[in-house]
C-alpha cells in the first residue's frame, strides 16, 4: 500500500507542476501580447506668434508672422491664458488685435491651443 500512496502523491505533484507551468506560460504570453499591442503616442507642442483677428465661442483666428494664411485654433476649458510674465489672465484678454504666442497640439487637421501668451500691444508715436 505504501507504493500505491507514493504513486498517487507523485501523480498529484506532476499534475500540480503541469498546471503551474501552463499558468506561467499563459501569463508570459499575455504580457508579450500586451506589450506588442501598446501603442505609443507622441504629442508635440508647437508655438506660433501673431495677432488675433477673430475670437469666437470655440476657436480664434491668428494672423501669423510666419504664414500668409491666418491660422485657426480651437480651445477648451483646459487652455491656459497668461501674460508675458506668466501671470494668469482671463480669456477675455484674447481679442481682435491682441498680439499672442499660441502653444498648440495638432489633432489631425485641428490645432488645439494649450497655452496662450497675451503680449502687450506696442504702439509707436510718430516723432514731431
N, C-alpha and C. Protein backbone atom coordinates (compact mmCIF):
# COMPACT_ATOMS: atom_id res chain seq x y z
N UNK A 1 0.80 -1.18 0.00
CA UNK A 1 0.00 0.00 0.00
C UNK A 1 0.85 1.26 0.00
N UNK A 2 2.00 1.23 0.51
CA UNK A 2 2.85 2.39 0.55
C UNK A 2 3.23 2.82 -0.85
N UNK A 3 3.49 1.88 -1.73
CA UNK A 3 3.83 2.21 -3.11
C UNK A 3 2.64 2.86 -3.81
N UNK A 4 1.42 2.41 -3.48
CA UNK A 4 0.23 2.98 -4.08
C UNK A 4 0.06 4.43 -3.67
N UNK A 5 0.27 4.77 -2.38
CA UNK A 5 0.16 6.14 -1.89
C UNK A 5 1.24 7.02 -2.51
N UNK A 6 2.44 6.47 -2.64
CA UNK A 6 3.51 7.23 -3.26
C UNK A 6 3.20 7.51 -4.72
N UNK A 7 2.57 6.58 -5.40
CA UNK A 7 2.19 6.75 -6.80
C UNK A 7 1.15 7.87 -6.95
N UNK A 8 0.20 7.90 -6.06
CA UNK A 8 -0.84 8.95 -6.09
C UNK A 8 -0.21 10.31 -5.79
N UNK A 9 0.67 10.36 -4.80
CA UNK A 9 1.34 11.62 -4.48
C UNK A 9 2.18 12.10 -5.65
N UNK A 10 2.85 11.19 -6.34
CA UNK A 10 3.65 11.56 -7.50
C UNK A 10 2.77 12.10 -8.62
N UNK A 11 1.63 11.47 -8.87
CA UNK A 11 0.70 11.93 -9.91
C UNK A 11 0.17 13.32 -9.56
N UNK A 12 -0.16 13.54 -8.30
CA UNK A 12 -0.66 14.86 -7.87
C UNK A 12 0.42 15.92 -8.02
N UNK A 13 1.66 15.58 -7.68
CA UNK A 13 2.76 16.54 -7.82
C UNK A 13 2.99 16.88 -9.28
N UNK A 14 2.95 15.87 -10.16
CA UNK A 14 3.12 16.11 -11.60
C UNK A 14 1.97 16.96 -12.13
N UNK A 15 0.74 16.68 -11.70
CA UNK A 15 -0.43 17.45 -12.15
C UNK A 15 -0.30 18.90 -11.69
N UNK A 16 0.10 19.12 -10.45
CA UNK A 16 0.26 20.49 -9.93
C UNK A 16 1.37 21.22 -10.66
N UNK A 17 2.48 20.55 -10.89
CA UNK A 17 3.59 21.16 -11.62
C UNK A 17 3.18 21.51 -13.04
N UNK A 18 2.42 20.63 -13.68
CA UNK A 18 1.95 20.88 -15.04
C UNK A 18 1.02 22.10 -15.08
N UNK A 19 0.14 22.20 -14.11
CA UNK A 19 -0.79 23.34 -14.05
C UNK A 19 -0.02 24.65 -13.83
N UNK A 20 0.95 24.63 -12.95
CA UNK A 20 1.74 25.82 -12.69
C UNK A 20 2.56 26.22 -13.92
N UNK A 21 3.11 25.25 -14.61
CA UNK A 21 3.87 25.53 -15.82
C UNK A 21 2.96 26.14 -16.88
N UNK A 22 1.78 25.56 -17.07
CA UNK A 22 0.82 26.07 -18.04
C UNK A 22 0.41 27.51 -17.69
N UNK A 23 0.14 27.75 -16.43
CA UNK A 23 -0.25 29.09 -15.99
C UNK A 23 0.89 30.09 -16.24
N UNK A 24 2.11 29.70 -15.95
CA UNK A 24 3.26 30.57 -16.20
C UNK A 24 3.41 30.91 -17.67
N UNK A 25 3.25 29.91 -18.54
CA UNK A 25 3.34 30.15 -19.98
C UNK A 25 2.24 31.09 -20.44
N UNK A 26 1.04 30.92 -19.93
CA UNK A 26 -0.09 31.80 -20.31
C UNK A 26 0.17 33.24 -19.86
N UNK A 27 0.65 33.44 -18.67
CA UNK A 27 0.93 34.80 -18.19
C UNK A 27 2.05 35.44 -18.99
N UNK A 28 3.08 34.68 -19.31
CA UNK A 28 4.18 35.19 -20.11
C UNK A 28 3.69 35.60 -21.50
N UNK A 29 2.86 34.77 -22.11
CA UNK A 29 2.32 35.07 -23.44
C UNK A 29 1.42 36.30 -23.40
N UNK A 30 0.62 36.42 -22.34
CA UNK A 30 -0.26 37.59 -22.21
C UNK A 30 0.55 38.87 -22.08
N UNK A 31 1.65 38.83 -21.33
CA UNK A 31 2.49 40.02 -21.18
C UNK A 31 3.12 40.42 -22.50
N UNK A 32 3.57 39.46 -23.28
CA UNK A 32 4.15 39.77 -24.59
C UNK A 32 3.09 40.37 -25.50
N UNK A 33 1.90 39.80 -25.51
CA UNK A 33 0.82 40.30 -26.37
C UNK A 33 0.44 41.72 -25.98
N UNK A 34 0.39 42.01 -24.69
CA UNK A 34 0.03 43.35 -24.25
C UNK A 34 1.13 44.34 -24.60
N UNK A 35 2.37 43.94 -24.49
CA UNK A 35 3.48 44.83 -24.82
C UNK A 35 3.48 45.16 -26.30
N UNK A 36 3.13 44.19 -27.13
CA UNK A 36 3.10 44.43 -28.57
C UNK A 36 1.93 45.30 -28.98
N UNK A 37 0.81 45.22 -28.26
CA UNK A 37 -0.37 45.98 -28.65
C UNK A 37 -0.39 47.39 -28.05
N UNK A 38 0.49 47.67 -27.11
CA UNK A 38 0.53 49.00 -26.50
C UNK A 38 1.02 50.00 -27.54
N UNK A 39 0.17 50.96 -27.85
CA UNK A 39 0.52 51.98 -28.85
C UNK A 39 1.24 53.13 -28.17
N UNK A 40 2.25 53.63 -28.82
CA UNK A 40 2.98 54.78 -28.32
C UNK A 40 2.47 56.01 -29.05
N UNK A 41 2.00 57.00 -28.27
CA UNK A 41 1.56 58.24 -28.88
C UNK A 41 2.50 59.35 -28.45
N UNK A 42 2.81 60.18 -29.39
CA UNK A 42 3.69 61.30 -29.12
C UNK A 42 2.92 62.59 -29.38
N UNK A 43 2.89 63.44 -28.39
CA UNK A 43 2.25 64.73 -28.55
C UNK A 43 3.33 65.79 -28.62
N UNK A 44 3.30 66.53 -29.70
CA UNK A 44 4.28 67.58 -29.88
C UNK A 44 3.59 68.92 -29.72
N UNK A 45 4.15 69.75 -28.88
CA UNK A 45 3.61 71.10 -28.70
C UNK A 45 4.40 72.04 -29.59
N UNK A 46 3.68 72.83 -30.34
CA UNK A 46 4.27 73.77 -31.28
C UNK A 46 3.81 75.17 -30.89
N UNK A 47 4.59 76.17 -31.27
CA UNK A 47 4.20 77.55 -30.98
C UNK A 47 4.03 78.33 -32.27
N UNK A 48 3.25 79.37 -32.17
CA UNK A 48 3.03 80.27 -33.30
C UNK A 48 2.81 81.67 -32.74
N UNK A 49 3.40 82.67 -33.39
CA UNK A 49 3.23 84.06 -32.98
C UNK A 49 2.36 84.77 -34.01
N UNK A 50 1.59 85.73 -33.53
CA UNK A 50 0.78 86.51 -34.45
C UNK A 50 -0.16 87.43 -33.71
N UNK A 51 -1.16 87.92 -34.45
CA UNK A 51 -2.15 88.84 -33.91
C UNK A 51 -3.53 88.24 -34.09
N UNK A 52 -4.33 88.29 -33.04
CA UNK A 52 -5.69 87.74 -33.10
C UNK A 52 -6.53 88.58 -34.06
N UNK A 53 -7.19 87.90 -35.01
CA UNK A 53 -8.07 88.63 -35.91
C UNK A 53 -9.54 88.34 -35.61
N UNK A 54 -9.82 87.19 -35.00
CA UNK A 54 -11.19 86.83 -34.60
C UNK A 54 -11.13 85.97 -33.36
N UNK A 55 -12.13 86.12 -32.48
CA UNK A 55 -12.23 85.28 -31.30
C UNK A 55 -13.67 84.88 -31.14
N UNK A 56 -13.95 83.59 -31.26
CA UNK A 56 -15.31 83.10 -31.18
C UNK A 56 -15.51 82.19 -29.98
N UNK A 57 -16.71 81.59 -29.87
CA UNK A 57 -17.02 80.76 -28.70
C UNK A 57 -16.22 79.45 -28.64
N UNK A 58 -15.72 78.95 -29.77
CA UNK A 58 -14.99 77.68 -29.75
C UNK A 58 -13.59 77.77 -30.35
N UNK A 59 -13.30 78.88 -31.00
CA UNK A 59 -12.00 79.00 -31.67
C UNK A 59 -11.63 80.46 -31.84
N UNK A 60 -10.36 80.66 -32.22
CA UNK A 60 -9.91 82.01 -32.55
C UNK A 60 -8.95 81.91 -33.73
N UNK A 61 -8.83 83.01 -34.46
CA UNK A 61 -8.01 83.06 -35.67
C UNK A 61 -6.86 84.02 -35.42
N UNK A 62 -5.66 83.58 -35.81
CA UNK A 62 -4.46 84.39 -35.62
C UNK A 62 -3.80 84.61 -36.96
N UNK A 63 -3.50 85.88 -37.25
CA UNK A 63 -2.69 86.20 -38.42
C UNK A 63 -1.25 86.02 -37.97
N UNK A 64 -0.62 85.00 -38.49
CA UNK A 64 0.72 84.62 -38.06
C UNK A 64 1.78 85.50 -38.70
N UNK A 65 2.90 85.64 -37.99
CA UNK A 65 4.02 86.38 -38.54
C UNK A 65 4.83 85.50 -39.51
N UNK A 66 4.58 84.19 -39.47
CA UNK A 66 5.34 83.27 -40.32
C UNK A 66 4.53 82.68 -41.46
N UNK A 67 3.23 82.94 -41.52
CA UNK A 67 2.38 82.35 -42.55
C UNK A 67 1.47 83.41 -43.13
N UNK A 68 1.30 83.39 -44.43
CA UNK A 68 0.40 84.35 -45.09
C UNK A 68 -1.07 84.03 -44.80
N UNK A 69 -1.35 82.75 -44.54
CA UNK A 69 -2.71 82.31 -44.28
C UNK A 69 -3.01 82.39 -42.78
N UNK A 70 -4.12 83.02 -42.38
CA UNK A 70 -4.48 83.05 -40.96
C UNK A 70 -4.69 81.62 -40.43
N UNK A 71 -4.32 81.39 -39.19
CA UNK A 71 -4.43 80.07 -38.58
C UNK A 71 -5.56 80.05 -37.57
N UNK A 72 -6.36 79.01 -37.60
CA UNK A 72 -7.48 78.87 -36.68
C UNK A 72 -7.13 77.85 -35.60
N UNK A 73 -7.37 78.24 -34.34
CA UNK A 73 -7.09 77.38 -33.20
C UNK A 73 -8.38 77.16 -32.43
N UNK A 74 -8.62 75.93 -32.02
CA UNK A 74 -9.72 75.69 -31.10
C UNK A 74 -9.15 75.74 -29.69
N UNK A 75 -10.00 75.93 -28.71
CA UNK A 75 -9.57 75.99 -27.32
C UNK A 75 -10.59 75.30 -26.45
N UNK A 76 -10.21 75.00 -25.21
CA UNK A 76 -11.10 74.31 -24.30
C UNK A 76 -10.98 74.91 -22.91
N UNK A 77 -11.65 74.29 -21.96
CA UNK A 77 -11.60 74.77 -20.57
C UNK A 77 -10.21 74.59 -19.98
N UNK A 78 -9.39 73.71 -20.57
CA UNK A 78 -8.05 73.47 -20.04
C UNK A 78 -7.00 74.38 -20.66
N UNK A 79 -7.39 75.19 -21.64
CA UNK A 79 -6.44 76.13 -22.25
C UNK A 79 -6.05 77.18 -21.21
N UNK A 80 -4.76 77.44 -21.11
CA UNK A 80 -4.23 78.39 -20.12
C UNK A 80 -3.95 79.72 -20.82
N UNK A 81 -4.34 80.81 -20.18
CA UNK A 81 -4.09 82.16 -20.70
C UNK A 81 -3.20 82.90 -19.71
N UNK A 82 -2.06 83.39 -20.19
CA UNK A 82 -1.13 84.12 -19.32
C UNK A 82 -0.62 85.36 -20.04
N UNK A 83 -0.05 86.28 -19.24
CA UNK A 83 0.60 87.45 -19.83
C UNK A 83 2.07 87.11 -20.06
N UNK A 84 2.83 88.09 -20.51
CA UNK A 84 4.25 87.87 -20.81
C UNK A 84 5.07 87.45 -19.59
N UNK A 85 4.60 87.80 -18.39
CA UNK A 85 5.32 87.45 -17.17
C UNK A 85 4.88 86.10 -16.60
N UNK A 86 3.94 85.44 -17.26
CA UNK A 86 3.45 84.15 -16.79
C UNK A 86 2.30 84.23 -15.81
N UNK A 87 1.78 85.45 -15.59
CA UNK A 87 0.63 85.61 -14.70
C UNK A 87 -0.65 85.24 -15.42
N UNK A 88 -1.52 84.52 -14.74
CA UNK A 88 -2.79 84.11 -15.33
C UNK A 88 -3.63 85.33 -15.69
N UNK A 89 -4.24 85.30 -16.87
CA UNK A 89 -5.16 86.35 -17.31
C UNK A 89 -6.45 85.69 -17.77
N UNK A 90 -7.47 86.47 -17.90
CA UNK A 90 -8.76 85.98 -18.35
C UNK A 90 -8.75 85.73 -19.86
N UNK A 91 -9.55 84.78 -20.30
CA UNK A 91 -9.63 84.52 -21.74
C UNK A 91 -10.18 85.73 -22.49
N UNK A 92 -10.85 86.63 -21.77
CA UNK A 92 -11.39 87.83 -22.41
C UNK A 92 -10.29 88.77 -22.89
N UNK A 93 -9.07 88.60 -22.42
CA UNK A 93 -7.96 89.45 -22.88
C UNK A 93 -7.54 89.07 -24.30
N UNK A 94 -7.97 87.89 -24.74
CA UNK A 94 -7.69 87.48 -26.12
C UNK A 94 -8.80 88.05 -26.98
N UNK A 95 -8.48 89.13 -27.67
CA UNK A 95 -9.48 89.79 -28.51
C UNK A 95 -8.80 90.26 -29.79
N UNK A 96 -9.58 90.69 -30.72
CA UNK A 96 -9.06 91.12 -32.01
C UNK A 96 -7.99 92.20 -31.83
N UNK A 97 -6.86 92.01 -32.48
CA UNK A 97 -5.76 92.96 -32.42
C UNK A 97 -4.72 92.64 -31.36
N UNK A 98 -5.00 91.65 -30.49
CA UNK A 98 -4.05 91.31 -29.41
C UNK A 98 -2.91 90.47 -29.97
N UNK A 99 -1.66 90.86 -29.70
CA UNK A 99 -0.53 90.03 -30.11
C UNK A 99 -0.41 88.83 -29.15
N UNK A 100 -0.26 87.63 -29.72
CA UNK A 100 -0.23 86.43 -28.90
C UNK A 100 0.84 85.46 -29.38
N UNK A 101 1.24 84.58 -28.47
CA UNK A 101 2.02 83.40 -28.80
C UNK A 101 1.14 82.23 -28.40
N UNK A 102 0.88 81.34 -29.34
CA UNK A 102 -0.02 80.22 -29.08
C UNK A 102 0.79 78.93 -29.04
N UNK A 103 0.67 78.21 -27.94
CA UNK A 103 1.22 76.86 -27.84
C UNK A 103 0.06 75.92 -28.17
N UNK A 104 0.28 75.01 -29.10
CA UNK A 104 -0.82 74.17 -29.53
C UNK A 104 -0.34 72.76 -29.85
N UNK A 105 -1.30 71.84 -29.85
CA UNK A 105 -1.05 70.47 -30.28
C UNK A 105 -1.90 70.23 -31.51
N UNK A 106 -1.42 69.34 -32.35
CA UNK A 106 -2.12 69.02 -33.59
C UNK A 106 -2.90 67.74 -33.37
N UNK A 107 -4.18 67.75 -33.72
CA UNK A 107 -5.03 66.57 -33.66
C UNK A 107 -5.66 66.42 -35.03
N UNK A 108 -4.98 65.69 -35.92
CA UNK A 108 -5.41 65.61 -37.31
C UNK A 108 -5.18 66.96 -37.96
N UNK A 109 -6.24 67.53 -38.53
CA UNK A 109 -6.15 68.85 -39.14
C UNK A 109 -6.44 69.97 -38.14
N UNK A 110 -6.81 69.60 -36.94
CA UNK A 110 -7.24 70.57 -35.93
C UNK A 110 -6.06 70.98 -35.04
N UNK A 111 -5.91 72.29 -34.82
CA UNK A 111 -4.88 72.80 -33.91
C UNK A 111 -5.58 73.23 -32.62
N UNK A 112 -5.16 72.65 -31.50
CA UNK A 112 -5.82 72.90 -30.23
C UNK A 112 -4.87 73.68 -29.33
N UNK A 113 -5.28 74.89 -28.97
CA UNK A 113 -4.46 75.76 -28.12
C UNK A 113 -4.40 75.19 -26.71
N UNK A 114 -3.18 75.00 -26.20
CA UNK A 114 -2.99 74.54 -24.83
C UNK A 114 -2.61 75.70 -23.91
N UNK A 115 -1.91 76.69 -24.49
CA UNK A 115 -1.50 77.86 -23.72
C UNK A 115 -1.43 79.05 -24.66
N UNK A 116 -1.94 80.17 -24.20
CA UNK A 116 -1.91 81.41 -24.99
C UNK A 116 -1.24 82.48 -24.15
N UNK A 117 -0.14 83.02 -24.67
CA UNK A 117 0.54 84.13 -24.00
C UNK A 117 0.08 85.41 -24.69
N UNK A 118 -0.59 86.26 -23.93
CA UNK A 118 -1.08 87.52 -24.46
C UNK A 118 -0.01 88.57 -24.19
N UNK A 119 0.57 89.09 -25.27
CA UNK A 119 1.63 90.09 -25.13
C UNK A 119 1.02 91.49 -25.13
N UNK A 120 1.77 92.42 -24.60
CA UNK A 120 1.31 93.80 -24.57
C UNK A 120 1.32 94.35 -25.98
N UNK A 121 0.33 95.16 -26.27
CA UNK A 121 0.27 95.83 -27.56
C UNK A 121 1.29 96.95 -27.55
N UNK A 122 2.16 96.95 -28.54
CA UNK A 122 3.15 98.02 -28.63
C UNK A 122 2.67 99.06 -29.62
N UNK A 123 2.70 100.26 -29.18
CA UNK A 123 2.31 101.36 -30.07
C UNK A 123 3.47 102.33 -30.19
N UNK A 124 3.61 102.85 -31.36
CA UNK A 124 4.67 103.85 -31.55
C UNK A 124 4.01 105.18 -31.85
N UNK A 125 4.57 106.20 -31.27
CA UNK A 125 4.04 107.54 -31.52
C UNK A 125 4.97 108.22 -32.52
N UNK A 126 4.39 108.83 -33.52
CA UNK A 126 5.23 109.50 -34.51
C UNK A 126 5.99 110.66 -33.89
N UNK A 127 7.22 110.82 -34.31
CA UNK A 127 8.01 111.92 -33.78
C UNK A 127 7.61 113.20 -34.50
N UNK A 128 7.59 114.33 -33.77
CA UNK A 128 7.13 115.61 -34.36
C UNK A 128 8.06 116.14 -35.42
